[in-house]
């Protein structure tokens, strides 16, 4: 049988899936509602892209206050997670709930992983985390901060404790950091902790189509991980467009500020609704729980929103995310339509 050629761990893999339901208002993927024109780029299509993305890394190095050699470029953060697991291996410690690709990529590479539940406030459970670290001595620890899908930022001091205790590498994934309070980043701590790596992406600030992620860390460590990077992994258009768009800092900052303002308004509206428990967020999305009694369960609720041409993320049932949804912050018009639909669904329950 052809199927017998597939590795057992791949057969058993629960793959990451993307919902393809056609809706005009899509608030399911944590994308920015604001995009930027790519303009006209005169690029030779017959030439491979700069394999080292020199100009882009220099630009971002100045922006983030590190040396270019301390940055590794990837086709989105997913590719960088893959490189880390390829270069370092497992076991991997993963707080849960969190971004599922940490687990998916570990499983696809046949690496062991340990899932450690967060506490009741979705913060790091230090006792459980330290017990797992002592027992399994993980080579990699992934900490999404702010965390997806919960939206909160793990307590700064707790992350420091994990970094200082870890015998392996600690990766702080700052995909949603632009929507957090300024200065709330671990990039400035890179010189102090050689086992610390920080992941950044441009996907959440309006450049998702470019698929650009970056790993920041100790120069010798970045050099080692770079050995497994596929050649020409970031295309010429993405490299050129990123620099061109990011040079307009005012437009980027304006878009991010608009999302933060709308997030706070959306949270206030959700908090007013009976049968909805909304959780505070430092990201560009909000986690909320459906607490209504009666026949309106998560499945029916999700279908009713789709009937209103609105798609949000229905999270896997069970555990702390039972009956939970994640809604991306959209434009004022999209957010208003979402709240109107929620009110109608709750009223008719």
C-alpha atoms as a PDB file:
ATOM      1  CA  UNK A   1       0.000   0.000   0.000  1.00  0.00           C
ATOM      2  CA  UNK A   2       1.257   3.477  -0.890  1.00  0.00           C
ATOM      3  CA  UNK A   3      -0.045   4.742   2.460  1.00  0.00           C
ATOM      4  CA  UNK A   4       2.422   2.468   4.246  1.00  0.00           C
ATOM      5  CA  UNK A   5       5.253   4.664   2.970  1.00  0.00           C
ATOM      6  CA  UNK A   6       4.050   7.529   5.149  1.00  0.00           C
ATOM      7  CA  UNK A   7       5.737   7.844   8.534  1.00  0.00           C
ATOM      8  CA  UNK A   8       3.554   6.787  11.493  1.00  0.00           C
ATOM      9  CA  UNK A   9       3.878  10.202  13.169  1.00  0.00           C
ATOM     10  CA  UNK A  10       2.552  11.914  10.017  1.00  0.00           C
ATOM     11  CA  UNK A  11      -0.395   9.503   9.814  1.00  0.00           C
ATOM     12  CA  UNK A  12      -1.280  10.378  13.404  1.00  0.00           C
ATOM     13  CA  UNK A  13      -0.707  14.119  12.935  1.00  0.00           C
ATOM     14  CA  UNK A  14      -3.560  16.525  13.665  1.00  0.00           C
ATOM     15  CA  UNK A  15      -2.749  19.037  10.961  1.00  0.00           C
ATOM     16  CA  UNK A  16      -3.329  22.772  11.161  1.00  0.00           C
ATOM     17  CA  UNK A  17      -6.468  23.612   9.201  1.00  0.00           C
ATOM     18  CA  UNK A  18      -7.707  26.916   7.795  1.00  0.00           C
ATOM     19  CA  UNK A  19     -11.453  27.439   7.498  1.00  0.00           C
ATOM     20  CA  UNK A  20     -12.423  28.285   3.927  1.00  0.00           C
ATOM     21  CA  UNK A  21     -16.016  29.364   4.583  1.00  0.00           C
ATOM     22  CA  UNK A  22     -16.810  32.242   2.191  1.00  0.00           C
ATOM     23  CA  UNK A  23     -17.862  35.306   4.197  1.00  0.00           C
ATOM     24  CA  UNK A  24     -17.595  38.988   3.358  1.00  0.00           C
ATOM     25  CA  UNK A  25     -16.540  39.876   6.910  1.00  0.00           C
ATOM     26  CA  UNK A  26     -13.594  37.676   7.879  1.00  0.00           C
ATOM     27  CA  UNK A  27     -12.509  38.121  11.475  1.00  0.00           C
ATOM     28  CA  UNK A  28     -10.956  34.682  11.945  1.00  0.00           C
ATOM     29  CA  UNK A  29      -7.246  34.884  11.029  1.00  0.00           C
ATOM     30  CA  UNK A  30      -5.794  37.748  13.121  1.00  0.00           C
ATOM     31  CA  UNK A  31      -5.016  39.757   9.991  1.00  0.00           C
ATOM     32  CA  UNK A  32      -4.876  43.536  10.003  1.00  0.00           C
ATOM     33  CA  UNK A  33      -7.932  45.160   8.398  1.00  0.00           C
ATOM     34  CA  UNK A  34      -5.578  47.708   6.840  1.00  0.00           C
ATOM     35  CA  UNK A  35      -3.336  46.825   3.910  1.00  0.00           C
ATOM     36  CA  UNK A  36      -0.727  48.805   1.996  1.00  0.00           C
ATOM     37  CA  UNK A  37      -0.179  49.248  -1.762  1.00  0.00           C
ATOM     38  CA  UNK A  38       2.780  47.330  -3.108  1.00  0.00           C
ATOM     39  CA  UNK A  39       3.520  49.972  -5.748  1.00  0.00           C
ATOM     40  CA  UNK A  40       5.734  49.294  -8.728  1.00  0.00           C
ATOM     41  CA  UNK A  41       8.893  47.270  -8.163  1.00  0.00           C
ATOM     42  CA  UNK A  42      11.286  46.836 -11.085  1.00  0.00           C
ATOM     43  CA  UNK A  43      12.684  43.423 -10.197  1.00  0.00           C
ATOM     44  CA  UNK A  44      14.445  41.030 -12.569  1.00  0.00           C
ATOM     45  CA  UNK A  45      12.198  37.977 -12.568  1.00  0.00           C
ATOM     46  CA  UNK A  46      14.940  35.799 -14.056  1.00  0.00           C
ATOM     47  CA  UNK A  47      17.229  36.248 -11.033  1.00  0.00           C
ATOM     48  CA  UNK A  48      16.984  34.515  -7.681  1.00  0.00           C
ATOM     49  CA  UNK A  49      16.322  36.717  -4.638  1.00  0.00           C
ATOM     50  CA  UNK A  50      19.132  37.797  -2.326  1.00  0.00           C
ATOM     51  CA  UNK A  51      19.574  34.591  -0.304  1.00  0.00           C
ATOM     52  CA  UNK A  52      20.702  36.497   2.790  1.00  0.00           C
ATOM     53  CA  UNK A  53      18.109  39.308   2.516  1.00  0.00           C
ATOM     54  CA  UNK A  54      20.933  41.689   3.370  1.00  0.00           C
ATOM     55  CA  UNK A  55      19.131  44.979   2.768  1.00  0.00           C
ATOM     56  CA  UNK A  56      16.006  43.877   4.629  1.00  0.00           C
ATOM     57  CA  UNK A  57      17.949  42.547   7.615  1.00  0.00           C
ATOM     58  CA  UNK A  58      20.003  45.748   7.809  1.00  0.00           C
ATOM     59  CA  UNK A  59      16.827  47.821   7.725  1.00  0.00           C
ATOM     60  CA  UNK A  60      15.183  45.800  10.504  1.00  0.00           C
ATOM     61  CA  UNK A  61      18.398  45.625  12.542  1.00  0.00           C
ATOM     62  CA  UNK A  62      18.419  49.429  12.748  1.00  0.00           C
ATOM     63  CA  UNK A  63      14.701  49.450  13.582  1.00  0.00           C
ATOM     64  CA  UNK A  64      14.994  46.848  16.344  1.00  0.00           C
ATOM     65  CA  UNK A  65      18.375  47.913  17.724  1.00  0.00           C
ATOM     66  CA  UNK A  66      20.341  44.738  16.991  1.00  0.00           C
ATOM     67  CA  UNK A  67      23.093  43.741  14.572  1.00  0.00           C
ATOM     68  CA  UNK A  68      22.038  42.315  11.182  1.00  0.00           C
ATOM     69  CA  UNK A  69      23.919  39.106  11.995  1.00  0.00           C
ATOM     70  CA  UNK A  70      21.546  38.625  14.940  1.00  0.00           C
ATOM     71  CA  UNK A  71      18.532  38.260  12.613  1.00  0.00           C
ATOM     72  CA  UNK A  72      17.428  35.168  10.682  1.00  0.00           C
ATOM     73  CA  UNK A  73      14.755  35.675   8.005  1.00  0.00           C
ATOM     74  CA  UNK A  74      11.977  33.215   7.246  1.00  0.00           C
ATOM     75  CA  UNK A  75       8.919  32.704   5.072  1.00  0.00           C
ATOM     76  CA  UNK A  76       6.693  33.572   8.002  1.00  0.00           C
ATOM     77  CA  UNK A  77       7.229  32.486  11.603  1.00  0.00           C
ATOM     78  CA  UNK A  78       6.140  28.926  10.799  1.00  0.00           C
ATOM     79  CA  UNK A  79       9.299  28.335   8.768  1.00  0.00           C
ATOM     80  CA  UNK A  80      11.454  29.615  11.633  1.00  0.00           C
ATOM     81  CA  UNK A  81       9.758  27.259  14.092  1.00  0.00           C
ATOM     82  CA  UNK A  82      10.530  24.455  11.642  1.00  0.00           C
ATOM     83  CA  UNK A  83      14.201  25.510  11.471  1.00  0.00           C
ATOM     84  CA  UNK A  84      14.493  25.659  15.251  1.00  0.00           C
ATOM     85  CA  UNK A  85      13.105  22.165  15.656  1.00  0.00           C
ATOM     86  CA  UNK A  86      15.269  20.882  12.800  1.00  0.00           C
ATOM     87  CA  UNK A  87      18.464  22.388  14.207  1.00  0.00           C
ATOM     88  CA  UNK A  88      17.886  21.788  17.917  1.00  0.00           C
ATOM     89  CA  UNK A  89      15.282  19.037  18.215  1.00  0.00           C
ATOM     90  CA  UNK A  90      13.168  18.094  21.199  1.00  0.00           C
ATOM     91  CA  UNK A  91      11.814  17.615  23.695  1.00  0.00           C
ATOM     92  CA  UNK A  92       9.840  20.845  23.385  1.00  0.00           C
ATOM     93  CA  UNK A  93       7.888  22.481  26.205  1.00  0.00           C
ATOM     94  CA  UNK A  94       4.695  24.219  25.097  1.00  0.00           C
ATOM     95  CA  UNK A  95       2.286  26.030  27.443  1.00  0.00           C
ATOM     96  CA  UNK A  96      -1.328  25.409  26.467  1.00  0.00           C
ATOM     97  CA  UNK A  97      -3.579  26.803  25.110  1.00  0.00           C
ATOM     98  CA  UNK A  98      -1.302  28.529  22.609  1.00  0.00           C
ATOM     99  CA  UNK A  99      -0.369  28.725  18.909  1.00  0.00           C
ATOM    100  CA  UNK A 100      -0.897  25.187  17.609  1.00  0.00           C
ATOM    101  CA  UNK A 101       1.954  25.224  15.063  1.00  0.00           C
ATOM    102  CA  UNK A 102       4.513  24.643  17.819  1.00  0.00           C
ATOM    103  CA  UNK A 103       2.931  21.229  18.389  1.00  0.00           C
ATOM    104  CA  UNK A 104       2.145  20.513  14.733  1.00  0.00           C
ATOM    105  CA  UNK A 105       5.725  21.092  13.576  1.00  0.00           C
ATOM    106  CA  UNK A 106       7.178  19.124  16.503  1.00  0.00           C
ATOM    107  CA  UNK A 107       4.906  16.203  15.617  1.00  0.00           C
ATOM    108  CA  UNK A 108       5.684  16.418  11.909  1.00  0.00           C
ATOM    109  CA  UNK A 109       9.411  16.172  12.666  1.00  0.00           C
ATOM    110  CA  UNK A 110       8.915  13.331  15.124  1.00  0.00           C
ATOM    111  CA  UNK A 111      10.127  15.400  18.093  1.00  0.00           C
ATOM    112  CA  UNK A 112       8.738  14.905  21.569  1.00  0.00           C
ATOM    113  CA  UNK A 113       6.781  17.681  23.216  1.00  0.00           C
ATOM    114  CA  UNK A 114       5.292  18.446  26.623  1.00  0.00           C
ATOM    115  CA  UNK A 115       2.070  20.450  26.950  1.00  0.00           C
ATOM    116  CA  UNK A 116       1.857  22.369  30.242  1.00  0.00           C
ATOM    117  CA  UNK A 117      -1.540  23.936  31.044  1.00  0.00           C
ATOM    118  CA  UNK A 118      -1.656  27.644  31.835  1.00  0.00           C
ATOM    119  CA  UNK A 119      -3.190  28.752  35.130  1.00  0.00           C
ATOM    120  CA  UNK A 120      -6.771  29.942  35.548  1.00  0.00           C
ATOM    121  CA  UNK A 121      -5.782  33.450  34.384  1.00  0.00           C
ATOM    122  CA  UNK A 122      -4.041  32.090  31.265  1.00  0.00           C
ATOM    123  CA  UNK A 123      -0.667  32.985  32.764  1.00  0.00           C
ATOM    124  CA  UNK A 124       2.317  30.650  33.122  1.00  0.00           C
ATOM    125  CA  UNK A 125       1.764  28.105  35.888  1.00  0.00           C
ATOM    126  CA  UNK A 126       5.216  28.309  37.422  1.00  0.00           C
ATOM    127  CA  UNK A 127       4.957  25.204  39.584  1.00  0.00           C
ATOM    128  CA  UNK A 128       3.779  23.029  36.687  1.00  0.00           C
ATOM    129  CA  UNK A 129       6.279  24.604  34.290  1.00  0.00           C
ATOM    130  CA  UNK A 130       9.251  24.075  36.604  1.00  0.00           C
ATOM    131  CA  UNK A 131       8.177  20.489  37.319  1.00  0.00           C
ATOM    132  CA  UNK A 132       8.080  19.770  33.564  1.00  0.00           C
ATOM    133  CA  UNK A 133      11.450  21.478  33.057  1.00  0.00           C
ATOM    134  CA  UNK A 134      13.025  19.406  35.835  1.00  0.00           C
ATOM    135  CA  UNK A 135      11.539  16.155  34.531  1.00  0.00           C
ATOM    136  CA  UNK A 136      12.069  16.542  30.769  1.00  0.00           C
ATOM    137  CA  UNK A 137      14.891  19.104  30.447  1.00  0.00           C
ATOM    138  CA  UNK A 138      13.399  20.576  27.225  1.00  0.00           C
ATOM    139  CA  UNK A 139      15.760  21.812  24.528  1.00  0.00           C
ATOM    140  CA  UNK A 140      13.185  24.353  23.324  1.00  0.00           C
ATOM    141  CA  UNK A 141      10.493  26.302  25.189  1.00  0.00           C
ATOM    142  CA  UNK A 142       7.996  28.325  23.130  1.00  0.00           C
ATOM    143  CA  UNK A 143       6.302  31.264  24.859  1.00  0.00           C
ATOM    144  CA  UNK A 144       3.820  33.239  22.769  1.00  0.00           C
ATOM    145  CA  UNK A 145       3.631  36.752  24.266  1.00  0.00           C
ATOM    146  CA  UNK A 146       0.981  38.096  23.830  1.00  0.00           C
ATOM    147  CA  UNK A 147      -0.435  34.622  23.653  1.00  0.00           C
ATOM    148  CA  UNK A 148      -2.623  33.305  20.854  1.00  0.00           C
ATOM    149  CA  UNK A 149      -5.543  32.595  21.315  1.00  0.00           C
ATOM    150  CA  UNK A 150      -5.912  34.013  24.849  1.00  0.00           C
ATOM    151  CA  UNK A 151      -4.670  37.524  23.998  1.00  0.00           C
ATOM    152  CA  UNK A 152      -2.919  38.183  27.313  1.00  0.00           C
ATOM    153  CA  UNK A 153       0.789  38.688  27.949  1.00  0.00           C
ATOM    154  CA  UNK A 154       2.469  36.277  30.338  1.00  0.00           C
ATOM    155  CA  UNK A 155       3.805  38.086  33.411  1.00  0.00           C
ATOM    156  CA  UNK A 156       7.205  39.553  32.506  1.00  0.00           C
ATOM    157  CA  UNK A 157       8.898  38.271  35.667  1.00  0.00           C
ATOM    158  CA  UNK A 158       7.602  34.731  35.153  1.00  0.00           C
ATOM    159  CA  UNK A 159       9.113  34.629  31.660  1.00  0.00           C
ATOM    160  CA  UNK A 160      12.430  35.830  33.100  1.00  0.00           C
ATOM    161  CA  UNK A 161      12.315  33.005  35.652  1.00  0.00           C
ATOM    162  CA  UNK A 162      11.814  30.457  32.868  1.00  0.00           C
ATOM    163  CA  UNK A 163      14.713  31.896  30.843  1.00  0.00           C
ATOM    164  CA  UNK A 164      17.052  31.834  33.844  1.00  0.00           C
ATOM    165  CA  UNK A 165      16.124  28.283  34.831  1.00  0.00           C
ATOM    166  CA  UNK A 166      16.076  26.781  31.338  1.00  0.00           C
ATOM    167  CA  UNK A 167      18.881  24.495  30.243  1.00  0.00           C
ATOM    168  CA  UNK A 168      17.803  24.908  26.623  1.00  0.00           C
ATOM    169  CA  UNK A 169      16.555  27.732  24.413  1.00  0.00           C
ATOM    170  CA  UNK A 170      13.558  29.915  25.256  1.00  0.00           C
ATOM    171  CA  UNK A 171      11.762  31.428  22.260  1.00  0.00           C
ATOM    172  CA  UNK A 172       9.534  34.394  23.038  1.00  0.00           C
ATOM    173  CA  UNK A 173       7.150  34.715  20.101  1.00  0.00           C
ATOM    174  CA  UNK A 174       6.270  38.416  19.807  1.00  0.00           C
ATOM    175  CA  UNK A 175       3.985  38.194  16.785  1.00  0.00           C
ATOM    176  CA  UNK A 176       1.426  40.449  18.498  1.00  0.00           C
ATOM    177  CA  UNK A 177       3.858  42.711  20.363  1.00  0.00           C
ATOM    178  CA  UNK A 178       3.083  45.800  18.196  1.00  0.00           C
ATOM    179  CA  UNK A 179      -0.384  45.929  19.815  1.00  0.00           C
ATOM    180  CA  UNK A 180       1.027  45.786  23.359  1.00  0.00           C
ATOM    181  CA  UNK A 181       2.254  48.670  25.522  1.00  0.00           C
ATOM    182  CA  UNK A 182       5.443  50.180  24.110  1.00  0.00           C
ATOM    183  CA  UNK A 183       8.609  48.776  25.630  1.00  0.00           C
ATOM    184  CA  UNK A 184       6.955  45.495  26.562  1.00  0.00           C
ATOM    185  CA  UNK A 185       9.400  43.407  24.547  1.00  0.00           C
ATOM    186  CA  UNK A 186      12.226  40.980  25.233  1.00  0.00           C
ATOM    187  CA  UNK A 187      14.453  42.211  22.392  1.00  0.00           C
ATOM    188  CA  UNK A 188      16.437  44.491  24.718  1.00  0.00           C
ATOM    189  CA  UNK A 189      17.243  41.484  26.937  1.00  0.00           C
ATOM    190  CA  UNK A 190      18.926  39.486  24.169  1.00  0.00           C
ATOM    191  CA  UNK A 191      22.472  40.583  25.164  1.00  0.00           C
ATOM    192  CA  UNK A 192      21.826  39.454  28.747  1.00  0.00           C
ATOM    193  CA  UNK A 193      20.536  35.934  27.979  1.00  0.00           C
ATOM    194  CA  UNK A 194      22.331  33.861  25.342  1.00  0.00           C
ATOM    195  CA  UNK A 195      19.610  31.175  25.525  1.00  0.00           C
ATOM    196  CA  UNK A 196      16.881  33.700  24.626  1.00  0.00           C
ATOM    197  CA  UNK A 197      15.493  34.031  21.108  1.00  0.00           C
ATOM    198  CA  UNK A 198      12.744  36.431  20.021  1.00  0.00           C
ATOM    199  CA  UNK A 199      10.453  35.825  17.043  1.00  0.00           C
ATOM    200  CA  UNK A 200       8.863  38.701  15.150  1.00  0.00           C
ATOM    201  CA  UNK A 201       6.561  38.817  12.137  1.00  0.00           C
ATOM    202  CA  UNK A 202       5.237  41.493   9.795  1.00  0.00           C
ATOM    203  CA  UNK A 203       2.018  39.555   9.159  1.00  0.00           C
ATOM    204  CA  UNK A 204      -0.097  41.147  11.893  1.00  0.00           C
ATOM    205  CA  UNK A 205       0.585  44.800  11.027  1.00  0.00           C
ATOM    206  CA  UNK A 206      -0.794  44.620   7.494  1.00  0.00           C
ATOM    207  CA  UNK A 207       1.843  42.684   5.534  1.00  0.00           C
ATOM    208  CA  UNK A 208       0.485  39.131   5.848  1.00  0.00           C
ATOM    209  CA  UNK A 209       0.654  38.625   2.068  1.00  0.00           C
ATOM    210  CA  UNK A 210       4.448  39.018   2.135  1.00  0.00           C
ATOM    211  CA  UNK A 211       4.964  36.088   4.562  1.00  0.00           C
ATOM    212  CA  UNK A 212       7.906  37.497   6.513  1.00  0.00           C
ATOM    213  CA  UNK A 213       9.095  36.290   9.903  1.00  0.00           C
ATOM    214  CA  UNK A 214      12.315  36.914  11.791  1.00  0.00           C
ATOM    215  CA  UNK A 215      14.280  35.238  14.551  1.00  0.00           C
ATOM    216  CA  UNK A 216      16.469  37.448  16.732  1.00  0.00           C
ATOM    217  CA  UNK A 217      19.177  36.107  18.997  1.00  0.00           C
ATOM    218  CA  UNK A 218      22.826  35.547  19.841  1.00  0.00           C
ATOM    219  CA  UNK A 219      25.002  35.846  16.729  1.00  0.00           C
ATOM    220  CA  UNK A 220      26.691  32.391  16.938  1.00  0.00           C
ATOM    221  CA  UNK A 221      23.315  30.765  17.633  1.00  0.00           C
ATOM    222  CA  UNK A 222      21.666  32.462  14.655  1.00  0.00           C
ATOM    223  CA  UNK A 223      24.602  31.334  12.506  1.00  0.00           C
ATOM    224  CA  UNK A 224      24.030  27.697  13.519  1.00  0.00           C
ATOM    225  CA  UNK A 225      20.280  27.781  12.867  1.00  0.00           C
ATOM    226  CA  UNK A 226      20.932  29.505   9.532  1.00  0.00           C
ATOM    227  CA  UNK A 227      22.668  26.317   8.369  1.00  0.00           C
ATOM    228  CA  UNK A 228      19.320  24.554   7.948  1.00  0.00           C
ATOM    229  CA  UNK A 229      17.605  27.475   6.223  1.00  0.00           C
ATOM    230  CA  UNK A 230      16.492  26.661   2.700  1.00  0.00           C
ATOM    231  CA  UNK A 231      18.227  28.776   0.011  1.00  0.00           C
ATOM    232  CA  UNK A 232      16.286  31.714  -1.446  1.00  0.00           C
ATOM    233  CA  UNK A 233      13.532  31.220   1.119  1.00  0.00           C
ATOM    234  CA  UNK A 234      12.276  34.836   0.994  1.00  0.00           C
ATOM    235  CA  UNK A 235      11.333  36.110  -2.464  1.00  0.00           C
ATOM    236  CA  UNK A 236      12.520  39.376  -4.016  1.00  0.00           C
ATOM    237  CA  UNK A 237       9.105  41.045  -4.010  1.00  0.00           C
ATOM    238  CA  UNK A 238       8.611  40.450  -0.273  1.00  0.00           C
ATOM    239  CA  UNK A 239      12.085  41.785   0.520  1.00  0.00           C
ATOM    240  CA  UNK A 240      11.664  44.954  -1.538  1.00  0.00           C
ATOM    241  CA  UNK A 241       8.045  45.598  -0.584  1.00  0.00           C
ATOM    242  CA  UNK A 242       8.729  45.236   3.137  1.00  0.00           C
ATOM    243  CA  UNK A 243      11.428  47.901   3.082  1.00  0.00           C
ATOM    244  CA  UNK A 244       9.334  50.228   0.924  1.00  0.00           C
ATOM    245  CA  UNK A 245       6.262  49.946   3.133  1.00  0.00           C
ATOM    246  CA  UNK A 246       8.043  49.977   6.511  1.00  0.00           C
ATOM    247  CA  UNK A 247       9.861  53.197   5.603  1.00  0.00           C
ATOM    248  CA  UNK A 248       6.487  54.900   5.963  1.00  0.00           C
ATOM    249  CA  UNK A 249       6.462  54.542   9.748  1.00  0.00           C
ATOM    250  CA  UNK A 250       3.600  57.003  10.141  1.00  0.00           C
ATOM    251  CA  UNK A 251       1.195  54.850   8.115  1.00  0.00           C
ATOM    252  CA  UNK A 252       2.231  51.676   9.953  1.00  0.00           C
ATOM    253  CA  UNK A 253       1.839  53.321  13.372  1.00  0.00           C
ATOM    254  CA  UNK A 254      -1.516  54.799  12.372  1.00  0.00           C
ATOM    255  CA  UNK A 255      -2.850  51.401  11.304  1.00  0.00           C
ATOM    256  CA  UNK A 256      -1.655  49.739  14.529  1.00  0.00           C
ATOM    257  CA  UNK A 257      -3.126  52.544  16.666  1.00  0.00           C
ATOM    258  CA  UNK A 258      -6.453  52.217  14.859  1.00  0.00           C
ATOM    259  CA  UNK A 259      -6.560  48.489  15.623  1.00  0.00           C
ATOM    260  CA  UNK A 260      -5.756  49.118  19.309  1.00  0.00           C
ATOM    261  CA  UNK A 261      -8.470  51.770  19.570  1.00  0.00           C
ATOM    262  CA  UNK A 262     -11.012  49.502  17.901  1.00  0.00           C
ATOM    263  CA  UNK A 263      -9.940  46.577  20.087  1.00  0.00           C
ATOM    264  CA  UNK A 264     -10.694  48.554  23.239  1.00  0.00           C
ATOM    265  CA  UNK A 265     -14.095  49.643  21.866  1.00  0.00           C
ATOM    266  CA  UNK A 266     -14.919  46.099  20.801  1.00  0.00           C
ATOM    267  CA  UNK A 267     -13.947  44.722  24.214  1.00  0.00           C
ATOM    268  CA  UNK A 268     -16.212  47.292  25.891  1.00  0.00           C
ATOM    269  CA  UNK A 269     -19.128  46.294  23.642  1.00  0.00           C
ATOM    270  CA  UNK A 270     -18.582  42.577  24.228  1.00  0.00           C
ATOM    271  CA  UNK A 271     -18.392  43.141  27.986  1.00  0.00           C
ATOM    272  CA  UNK A 272     -21.872  44.685  27.944  1.00  0.00           C
ATOM    273  CA  UNK A 273     -23.520  41.599  26.453  1.00  0.00           C
ATOM    274  CA  UNK A 274     -25.208  39.076  28.697  1.00  0.00           C
ATOM    275  CA  UNK A 275     -24.130  35.544  27.919  1.00  0.00           C
ATOM    276  CA  UNK A 276     -20.676  36.679  26.741  1.00  0.00           C
ATOM    277  CA  UNK A 277     -17.489  36.680  28.822  1.00  0.00           C
ATOM    278  CA  UNK A 278     -14.743  38.669  27.082  1.00  0.00           C
ATOM    279  CA  UNK A 279     -11.094  38.406  28.108  1.00  0.00           C
ATOM    280  CA  UNK A 280      -8.753  41.455  28.088  1.00  0.00           C
ATOM    281  CA  UNK A 281      -6.293  41.444  25.177  1.00  0.00           C
ATOM    282  CA  UNK A 282      -2.903  42.922  24.302  1.00  0.00           C
ATOM    283  CA  UNK A 283      -3.177  41.573  20.743  1.00  0.00           C
ATOM    284  CA  UNK A 284      -5.265  42.352  17.641  1.00  0.00           C
ATOM    285  CA  UNK A 285      -8.003  39.911  18.611  1.00  0.00           C
ATOM    286  CA  UNK A 286     -10.262  39.168  21.564  1.00  0.00           C
ATOM    287  CA  UNK A 287     -11.056  35.825  23.163  1.00  0.00           C
ATOM    288  CA  UNK A 288     -14.595  35.432  24.448  1.00  0.00           C
ATOM    289  CA  UNK A 289     -16.676  32.647  25.943  1.00  0.00           C
ATOM    290  CA  UNK A 290     -20.305  31.871  25.234  1.00  0.00           C
ATOM    291  CA  UNK A 291     -22.009  31.478  28.630  1.00  0.00           C
ATOM    292  CA  UNK A 292     -25.673  31.485  27.547  1.00  0.00           C
ATOM    293  CA  UNK A 293     -28.000  28.847  28.900  1.00  0.00           C
ATOM    294  CA  UNK A 294     -30.437  27.082  26.629  1.00  0.00           C
ATOM    295  CA  UNK A 295     -30.168  25.588  23.171  1.00  0.00           C
ATOM    296  CA  UNK A 296     -27.584  28.020  21.762  1.00  0.00           C
ATOM    297  CA  UNK A 297     -24.325  26.055  21.802  1.00  0.00           C
ATOM    298  CA  UNK A 298     -21.010  26.979  20.187  1.00  0.00           C
ATOM    299  CA  UNK A 299     -21.775  25.148  16.938  1.00  0.00           C
ATOM    300  CA  UNK A 300     -25.145  26.827  16.409  1.00  0.00           C
ATOM    301  CA  UNK A 301     -23.751  30.203  17.445  1.00  0.00           C
ATOM    302  CA  UNK A 302     -20.957  29.906  14.876  1.00  0.00           C
ATOM    303  CA  UNK A 303     -23.404  28.912  12.113  1.00  0.00           C
ATOM    304  CA  UNK A 304     -25.685  31.856  12.895  1.00  0.00           C
ATOM    305  CA  UNK A 305     -22.774  34.262  12.535  1.00  0.00           C
ATOM    306  CA  UNK A 306     -21.897  32.695   9.174  1.00  0.00           C
ATOM    307  CA  UNK A 307     -25.523  33.136   8.089  1.00  0.00           C
ATOM    308  CA  UNK A 308     -24.952  36.842   8.761  1.00  0.00           C
ATOM    309  CA  UNK A 309     -21.874  36.691   6.489  1.00  0.00           C
ATOM    310  CA  UNK A 310     -19.432  36.939   9.420  1.00  0.00           C
ATOM    311  CA  UNK A 311     -16.636  34.447  10.093  1.00  0.00           C
ATOM    312  CA  UNK A 312     -14.757  34.248  13.391  1.00  0.00           C
ATOM    313  CA  UNK A 313     -12.589  31.490  14.852  1.00  0.00           C
ATOM    314  CA  UNK A 314     -14.396  28.763  16.767  1.00  0.00           C
ATOM    315  CA  UNK A 315     -11.851  27.198  19.081  1.00  0.00           C
ATOM    316  CA  UNK A 316     -11.554  23.514  19.783  1.00  0.00           C
ATOM    317  CA  UNK A 317     -13.969  22.404  22.488  1.00  0.00           C
ATOM    318  CA  UNK A 318     -12.999  21.017  25.857  1.00  0.00           C
ATOM    319  CA  UNK A 319     -10.827  22.386  28.637  1.00  0.00           C
ATOM    320  CA  UNK A 320     -10.519  26.122  29.308  1.00  0.00           C
ATOM    321  CA  UNK A 321     -11.470  27.005  25.717  1.00  0.00           C
ATOM    322  CA  UNK A 322     -14.798  25.187  25.789  1.00  0.00           C
ATOM    323  CA  UNK A 323     -17.459  27.368  24.109  1.00  0.00           C
ATOM    324  CA  UNK A 324     -14.782  29.952  23.282  1.00  0.00           C
ATOM    325  CA  UNK A 325     -14.277  32.040  20.157  1.00  0.00           C
ATOM    326  CA  UNK A 326     -11.526  34.328  18.910  1.00  0.00           C
ATOM    327  CA  UNK A 327     -12.564  37.420  16.983  1.00  0.00           C
ATOM    328  CA  UNK A 328     -10.055  39.513  15.047  1.00  0.00           C
ATOM    329  CA  UNK A 329     -10.376  43.270  15.388  1.00  0.00           C
ATOM    330  CA  UNK A 330     -11.643  44.588  12.070  1.00  0.00           C
ATOM    331  CA  UNK A 331     -12.591  47.993  10.720  1.00  0.00           C
ATOM    332  CA  UNK A 332     -15.176  50.059  12.655  1.00  0.00           C
ATOM    333  CA  UNK A 333     -17.807  48.975  10.123  1.00  0.00           C
ATOM    334  CA  UNK A 334     -16.905  45.277  10.437  1.00  0.00           C
ATOM    335  CA  UNK A 335     -16.845  45.425  14.232  1.00  0.00           C
ATOM    336  CA  UNK A 336     -20.222  47.165  14.319  1.00  0.00           C
ATOM    337  CA  UNK A 337     -21.723  44.492  12.049  1.00  0.00           C
ATOM    338  CA  UNK A 338     -20.303  41.780  14.318  1.00  0.00           C
ATOM    339  CA  UNK A 339     -21.774  43.350  17.464  1.00  0.00           C
ATOM    340  CA  UNK A 340     -25.140  43.836  15.741  1.00  0.00           C
ATOM    341  CA  UNK A 341     -25.181  40.173  14.762  1.00  0.00           C
ATOM    342  CA  UNK A 342     -24.242  39.109  18.302  1.00  0.00           C
ATOM    343  CA  UNK A 343     -27.047  41.165  19.789  1.00  0.00           C
ATOM    344  CA  UNK A 344     -29.560  39.647  17.371  1.00  0.00           C
ATOM    345  CA  UNK A 345     -28.409  36.075  18.050  1.00  0.00           C
ATOM    346  CA  UNK A 346     -28.505  36.534  21.826  1.00  0.00           C
ATOM    347  CA  UNK A 347     -31.897  38.270  21.724  1.00  0.00           C
ATOM    348  CA  UNK A 348     -33.412  35.441  19.683  1.00  0.00           C
ATOM    349  CA  UNK A 349     -31.970  32.704  21.888  1.00  0.00           C
END
